[in-house]
Amino acid sequence: MDTRMWAYARSSGHAAGTDLTGFKVEATDGHIGRIDRHSADAGRSYIVVDTGPWIFGRHVVVPAGLVKAVDVAEETVHVAATKDEIKASPDFESGRDEDEVAFIRLVEEHYTKSHM
């Protein structure tokens, strides 16, 4: 597992303890949705994005390493992925164990391939 993918970069502006729930999410090419929930666990930080009706209300995991900027004043998180990359990511099913190794690998493979 690539632990860098699952950690907020210092340059992102993410402050430990900040609740990102409800923040807007901006992909590199526009608005993608809102943060439904997030985890700031050491070594496994991520946001769960509710993509809204434009792709049938899917929930997707975006690893914290893709968060490029957190704007607390505007309640917006900017990520280093396109809308298509996020749209093509594995579904996050509520009730799924986010610690499930197979799911974590799917997410890692998806975003690693997208950013090569």
N, C-alpha and C. Protein backbone atom coordinates (compact mmCIF):
# COMPACT_ATOMS: atom_id res chain seq x y z
N MET A 1 0.84 -1.19 0.00
CA MET A 1 0.00 0.00 0.00
C MET A 1 0.88 1.24 0.00
N ASP A 2 0.52 2.20 -0.83
CA ASP A 2 1.26 3.46 -0.91
C ASP A 2 0.71 4.42 0.14
N THR A 3 1.39 4.51 1.27
CA THR A 3 0.89 5.34 2.37
C THR A 3 0.87 6.82 2.04
N ARG A 4 1.71 7.27 1.10
CA ARG A 4 1.68 8.69 0.72
C ARG A 4 0.34 9.07 0.09
N MET A 5 -0.25 8.12 -0.61
CA MET A 5 -1.54 8.37 -1.25
C MET A 5 -2.63 8.62 -0.20
N TRP A 6 -2.45 8.08 0.97
CA TRP A 6 -3.47 8.13 2.01
C TRP A 6 -3.19 9.18 3.09
N ALA A 7 -2.32 10.14 2.79
CA ALA A 7 -1.99 11.19 3.77
C ALA A 7 -2.13 12.56 3.12
N TYR A 8 -2.63 13.53 3.87
CA TYR A 8 -2.72 14.90 3.37
C TYR A 8 -1.32 15.49 3.25
N ALA A 9 -1.03 16.11 2.13
CA ALA A 9 0.25 16.80 1.96
C ALA A 9 0.25 18.03 2.87
N ARG A 10 1.41 18.36 3.38
CA ARG A 10 1.51 19.57 4.22
C ARG A 10 1.04 20.81 3.48
N SER A 11 1.30 20.84 2.18
CA SER A 11 0.94 22.01 1.36
C SER A 11 -0.56 22.11 1.08
N SER A 12 -1.35 21.09 1.47
CA SER A 12 -2.79 21.09 1.16
C SER A 12 -3.58 22.09 2.00
N GLY A 13 -3.04 22.46 3.14
CA GLY A 13 -3.77 23.37 4.01
C GLY A 13 -4.74 22.66 4.93
N HIS A 14 -4.74 21.33 4.90
CA HIS A 14 -5.62 20.59 5.79
C HIS A 14 -5.07 20.66 7.21
N ALA A 15 -5.91 21.08 8.13
CA ALA A 15 -5.52 21.15 9.54
C ALA A 15 -6.17 19.99 10.29
N ALA A 16 -5.38 19.27 11.04
CA ALA A 16 -5.91 18.14 11.80
C ALA A 16 -7.09 18.61 12.64
N GLY A 17 -8.13 17.80 12.66
CA GLY A 17 -9.32 18.13 13.45
C GLY A 17 -10.37 18.93 12.69
N THR A 18 -10.05 19.39 11.48
CA THR A 18 -11.02 20.16 10.70
C THR A 18 -12.07 19.21 10.13
N ASP A 19 -13.34 19.50 10.36
CA ASP A 19 -14.42 18.68 9.83
C ASP A 19 -14.72 19.15 8.41
N LEU A 20 -14.45 18.29 7.44
CA LEU A 20 -14.64 18.63 6.03
C LEU A 20 -16.02 18.23 5.51
N THR A 21 -16.82 17.59 6.34
CA THR A 21 -18.15 17.15 5.91
C THR A 21 -18.96 18.33 5.38
N GLY A 22 -19.53 18.15 4.19
CA GLY A 22 -20.34 19.19 3.57
C GLY A 22 -19.57 20.13 2.67
N PHE A 23 -18.24 20.10 2.71
CA PHE A 23 -17.45 20.97 1.84
C PHE A 23 -17.68 20.58 0.38
N LYS A 24 -17.65 21.56 -0.51
CA LYS A 24 -17.72 21.32 -1.95
C LYS A 24 -16.40 20.71 -2.39
N VAL A 25 -16.46 19.89 -3.44
CA VAL A 25 -15.26 19.28 -3.99
C VAL A 25 -15.11 19.73 -5.43
N GLU A 26 -13.94 20.30 -5.73
CA GLU A 26 -13.62 20.76 -7.07
C GLU A 26 -12.54 19.87 -7.66
N ALA A 27 -12.87 19.22 -8.77
CA ALA A 27 -11.88 18.46 -9.52
C ALA A 27 -11.06 19.46 -10.34
N THR A 28 -10.07 18.97 -11.07
CA THR A 28 -9.24 19.89 -11.87
C THR A 28 -10.05 20.55 -12.98
N ASP A 29 -11.19 19.94 -13.35
CA ASP A 29 -12.00 20.50 -14.43
C ASP A 29 -13.42 20.88 -13.99
N GLY A 30 -13.60 21.14 -12.70
CA GLY A 30 -14.89 21.65 -12.24
C GLY A 30 -15.46 20.93 -11.03
N HIS A 31 -16.63 21.37 -10.64
CA HIS A 31 -17.32 20.87 -9.45
C HIS A 31 -17.70 19.40 -9.63
N ILE A 32 -17.47 18.60 -8.59
CA ILE A 32 -17.77 17.16 -8.66
C ILE A 32 -18.77 16.72 -7.61
N GLY A 33 -18.93 17.47 -6.52
CA GLY A 33 -19.88 17.06 -5.49
C GLY A 33 -19.53 17.65 -4.14
N ARG A 34 -19.98 16.96 -3.09
CA ARG A 34 -19.74 17.40 -1.72
C ARG A 34 -19.18 16.24 -0.91
N ILE A 35 -18.48 16.59 0.15
CA ILE A 35 -17.92 15.56 1.03
C ILE A 35 -19.03 15.04 1.94
N ASP A 36 -19.26 13.75 1.83
CA ASP A 36 -20.27 13.08 2.64
C ASP A 36 -19.69 12.72 4.00
N ARG A 37 -18.44 12.31 3.99
CA ARG A 37 -17.70 12.02 5.22
C ARG A 37 -16.22 11.97 4.91
N HIS A 38 -15.43 11.97 5.96
CA HIS A 38 -13.99 11.88 5.74
C HIS A 38 -13.35 11.16 6.91
N SER A 39 -12.15 10.69 6.64
CA SER A 39 -11.37 10.02 7.68
C SER A 39 -10.01 10.69 7.72
N ALA A 40 -9.54 10.93 8.91
CA ALA A 40 -8.21 11.50 9.08
C ALA A 40 -7.33 10.52 9.85
N ASP A 41 -7.64 9.23 9.71
CA ASP A 41 -6.85 8.21 10.39
C ASP A 41 -5.42 8.23 9.86
N ALA A 42 -4.47 8.08 10.74
CA ALA A 42 -3.07 8.04 10.33
C ALA A 42 -2.85 6.89 9.37
N GLY A 43 -2.28 7.19 8.22
CA GLY A 43 -1.99 6.18 7.22
C GLY A 43 -3.16 5.77 6.36
N ARG A 44 -4.35 6.31 6.61
CA ARG A 44 -5.51 5.97 5.81
C ARG A 44 -6.52 7.11 5.82
N SER A 45 -6.09 8.26 5.37
CA SER A 45 -6.98 9.41 5.32
C SER A 45 -7.60 9.52 3.94
N TYR A 46 -8.86 9.89 3.89
CA TYR A 46 -9.57 10.00 2.62
C TYR A 46 -10.83 10.84 2.81
N ILE A 47 -11.43 11.21 1.69
CA ILE A 47 -12.74 11.83 1.71
C ILE A 47 -13.69 10.94 0.91
N VAL A 48 -14.94 10.91 1.32
CA VAL A 48 -15.98 10.22 0.56
C VAL A 48 -16.81 11.32 -0.09
N VAL A 49 -16.80 11.32 -1.43
CA VAL A 49 -17.48 12.36 -2.19
C VAL A 49 -18.83 11.85 -2.67
N ASP A 50 -19.88 12.60 -2.35
CA ASP A 50 -21.21 12.35 -2.89
C ASP A 50 -21.26 13.12 -4.19
N THR A 51 -21.25 12.40 -5.30
CA THR A 51 -21.16 13.04 -6.61
C THR A 51 -22.49 13.65 -7.06
N GLY A 52 -23.54 13.44 -6.30
CA GLY A 52 -24.82 14.04 -6.63
C GLY A 52 -25.46 13.41 -7.86
N PRO A 53 -26.49 14.02 -8.37
CA PRO A 53 -27.27 13.40 -9.43
C PRO A 53 -26.57 13.29 -10.78
N TRP A 54 -25.49 14.03 -10.99
CA TRP A 54 -24.89 14.00 -12.33
C TRP A 54 -24.29 12.65 -12.68
N ILE A 55 -23.94 11.83 -11.70
CA ILE A 55 -23.59 10.43 -11.99
C ILE A 55 -24.35 9.53 -11.03
N PHE A 56 -25.63 9.78 -10.93
CA PHE A 56 -26.56 8.93 -10.20
C PHE A 56 -26.27 8.82 -8.71
N GLY A 57 -25.78 9.88 -8.12
CA GLY A 57 -25.62 9.93 -6.68
C GLY A 57 -24.63 8.95 -6.10
N ARG A 58 -23.61 8.64 -6.83
CA ARG A 58 -22.59 7.71 -6.35
C ARG A 58 -21.77 8.34 -5.22
N HIS A 59 -21.21 7.47 -4.42
CA HIS A 59 -20.26 7.86 -3.39
C HIS A 59 -18.93 7.22 -3.75
N VAL A 60 -17.89 8.01 -3.78
CA VAL A 60 -16.57 7.51 -4.15
C VAL A 60 -15.53 7.98 -3.14
N VAL A 61 -14.50 7.17 -2.98
CA VAL A 61 -13.41 7.50 -2.07
C VAL A 61 -12.32 8.20 -2.86
N VAL A 62 -11.85 9.32 -2.33
CA VAL A 62 -10.70 10.01 -2.90
C VAL A 62 -9.63 10.05 -1.81
N PRO A 63 -8.50 9.39 -2.04
CA PRO A 63 -7.43 9.39 -1.03
C PRO A 63 -6.95 10.81 -0.71
N ALA A 64 -6.58 11.03 0.53
CA ALA A 64 -6.15 12.35 0.99
C ALA A 64 -4.96 12.90 0.22
N GLY A 65 -4.13 12.03 -0.33
CA GLY A 65 -2.97 12.47 -1.09
C GLY A 65 -3.34 13.22 -2.36
N LEU A 66 -4.59 13.08 -2.81
CA LEU A 66 -5.04 13.82 -4.00
C LEU A 66 -5.64 15.18 -3.65
N VAL A 67 -5.78 15.45 -2.34
CA VAL A 67 -6.29 16.76 -1.92
C VAL A 67 -5.15 17.77 -2.06
N LYS A 68 -5.35 18.74 -2.93
CA LYS A 68 -4.31 19.74 -3.18
C LYS A 68 -4.51 21.01 -2.37
N ALA A 69 -5.75 21.34 -2.06
CA ALA A 69 -5.98 22.56 -1.29
C ALA A 69 -7.31 22.46 -0.54
N VAL A 70 -7.28 22.91 0.70
CA VAL A 70 -8.48 23.01 1.52
C VAL A 70 -8.71 24.48 1.81
N ASP A 71 -9.84 25.00 1.36
CA ASP A 71 -10.20 26.39 1.59
C ASP A 71 -11.32 26.41 2.62
N VAL A 72 -10.96 26.61 3.87
CA VAL A 72 -11.94 26.57 4.96
C VAL A 72 -12.94 27.71 4.82
N ALA A 73 -12.49 28.89 4.45
CA ALA A 73 -13.38 30.04 4.32
C ALA A 73 -14.46 29.80 3.27
N GLU A 74 -14.09 29.17 2.16
CA GLU A 74 -15.06 28.89 1.08
C GLU A 74 -15.68 27.50 1.20
N GLU A 75 -15.25 26.74 2.23
CA GLU A 75 -15.72 25.37 2.44
C GLU A 75 -15.60 24.55 1.15
N THR A 76 -14.40 24.58 0.58
CA THR A 76 -14.12 23.90 -0.68
C THR A 76 -12.82 23.13 -0.58
N VAL A 77 -12.82 21.93 -1.15
CA VAL A 77 -11.63 21.10 -1.24
C VAL A 77 -11.32 20.91 -2.72
N HIS A 78 -10.08 21.19 -3.11
CA HIS A 78 -9.63 21.01 -4.49
C HIS A 78 -8.81 19.73 -4.56
N VAL A 79 -9.13 18.88 -5.54
CA VAL A 79 -8.42 17.61 -5.69
C VAL A 79 -7.71 17.54 -7.04
N ALA A 80 -6.64 16.76 -7.07
CA ALA A 80 -5.83 16.59 -8.28
C ALA A 80 -6.33 15.39 -9.07
N ALA A 81 -7.56 15.46 -9.52
CA ALA A 81 -8.16 14.43 -10.36
C ALA A 81 -9.25 15.10 -11.18
N THR A 82 -9.48 14.58 -12.36
CA THR A 82 -10.55 15.12 -13.21
C THR A 82 -11.89 14.51 -12.80
N LYS A 83 -12.95 15.11 -13.30
CA LYS A 83 -14.28 14.56 -13.04
C LYS A 83 -14.39 13.15 -13.61
N ASP A 84 -13.83 12.92 -14.79
CA ASP A 84 -13.88 11.58 -15.38
C ASP A 84 -13.12 10.55 -14.54
N GLU A 85 -11.97 10.94 -13.99
CA GLU A 85 -11.21 10.02 -13.14
C GLU A 85 -12.01 9.65 -11.90
N ILE A 86 -12.65 10.64 -11.31
CA ILE A 86 -13.46 10.38 -10.12
C ILE A 86 -14.69 9.57 -10.50
N LYS A 87 -15.31 9.91 -11.61
CA LYS A 87 -16.49 9.19 -12.07
C LYS A 87 -16.19 7.71 -12.30
N ALA A 88 -15.00 7.39 -12.78
CA ALA A 88 -14.61 6.01 -13.08
C ALA A 88 -14.07 5.25 -11.88
N SER A 89 -14.00 5.89 -10.73
CA SER A 89 -13.43 5.24 -9.55
C SER A 89 -14.40 4.21 -8.98
N PRO A 90 -13.87 3.27 -8.19
CA PRO A 90 -14.73 2.23 -7.59
C PRO A 90 -15.80 2.84 -6.69
N ASP A 91 -16.99 2.24 -6.71
CA ASP A 91 -18.08 2.68 -5.85
C ASP A 91 -17.75 2.43 -4.39
N PHE A 92 -18.12 3.39 -3.56
CA PHE A 92 -18.03 3.20 -2.12
C PHE A 92 -19.44 2.92 -1.65
N GLU A 93 -19.66 1.74 -1.17
CA GLU A 93 -20.99 1.36 -0.70
C GLU A 93 -21.08 1.62 0.79
N SER A 94 -22.12 2.36 1.20
CA SER A 94 -22.27 2.57 2.64
C SER A 94 -22.46 1.20 3.27
N GLY A 95 -21.86 1.00 4.38
CA GLY A 95 -21.90 -0.30 5.04
C GLY A 95 -20.69 -1.15 4.68
N ARG A 96 -19.98 -0.77 3.61
CA ARG A 96 -18.76 -1.50 3.25
C ARG A 96 -17.70 -1.14 4.28
N ASP A 97 -16.90 -2.09 4.59
CA ASP A 97 -15.80 -1.85 5.51
C ASP A 97 -14.68 -1.16 4.74
N GLU A 98 -14.48 0.12 5.01
CA GLU A 98 -13.44 0.86 4.27
C GLU A 98 -12.04 0.33 4.54
N ASP A 99 -11.90 -0.54 5.51
CA ASP A 99 -10.61 -1.17 5.76
C ASP A 99 -10.44 -2.45 4.95
N GLU A 100 -11.43 -2.79 4.15
CA GLU A 100 -11.36 -3.99 3.32
C GLU A 100 -10.19 -3.87 2.34
N VAL A 101 -9.25 -4.77 2.46
CA VAL A 101 -8.01 -4.70 1.69
C VAL A 101 -8.27 -4.68 0.19
N ALA A 102 -9.19 -5.49 -0.29
CA ALA A 102 -9.48 -5.55 -1.73
C ALA A 102 -9.98 -4.20 -2.24
N PHE A 103 -10.83 -3.53 -1.46
CA PHE A 103 -11.35 -2.23 -1.89
C PHE A 103 -10.24 -1.18 -1.89
N ILE A 104 -9.42 -1.18 -0.86
CA ILE A 104 -8.31 -0.24 -0.78
C ILE A 104 -7.39 -0.40 -1.99
N ARG A 105 -7.10 -1.63 -2.37
CA ARG A 105 -6.25 -1.90 -3.54
C ARG A 105 -6.90 -1.38 -4.82
N LEU A 106 -8.22 -1.58 -4.96
CA LEU A 106 -8.93 -1.07 -6.15
C LEU A 106 -8.78 0.44 -6.26
N VAL A 107 -8.97 1.13 -5.14
CA VAL A 107 -8.86 2.59 -5.13
C VAL A 107 -7.43 3.01 -5.48
N GLU A 108 -6.45 2.37 -4.87
CA GLU A 108 -5.05 2.69 -5.15
C GLU A 108 -4.72 2.47 -6.62
N GLU A 109 -5.11 1.32 -7.16
CA GLU A 109 -4.83 1.02 -8.56
C GLU A 109 -5.49 2.03 -9.49
N HIS A 110 -6.72 2.38 -9.18
CA HIS A 110 -7.44 3.34 -10.02
C HIS A 110 -6.71 4.67 -10.09
N TYR A 111 -6.40 5.24 -8.94
CA TYR A 111 -5.79 6.57 -8.94
C TYR A 111 -4.32 6.54 -9.35
N THR A 112 -3.63 5.43 -9.11
CA THR A 112 -2.24 5.31 -9.57
C THR A 112 -2.20 5.29 -11.09
N LYS A 113 -3.06 4.51 -11.71
CA LYS A 113 -3.12 4.44 -13.17
C LYS A 113 -3.55 5.77 -13.76
N SER A 114 -4.46 6.45 -13.10
CA SER A 114 -4.96 7.73 -13.60
C SER A 114 -3.90 8.81 -13.61
N HIS A 115 -2.93 8.68 -12.71
CA HIS A 115 -1.93 9.74 -12.54
C HIS A 115 -0.53 9.34 -12.99
N MET A 116 -0.43 8.31 -13.81
CA MET A 116 0.88 7.89 -14.31
C MET A 116 1.24 8.65 -15.56
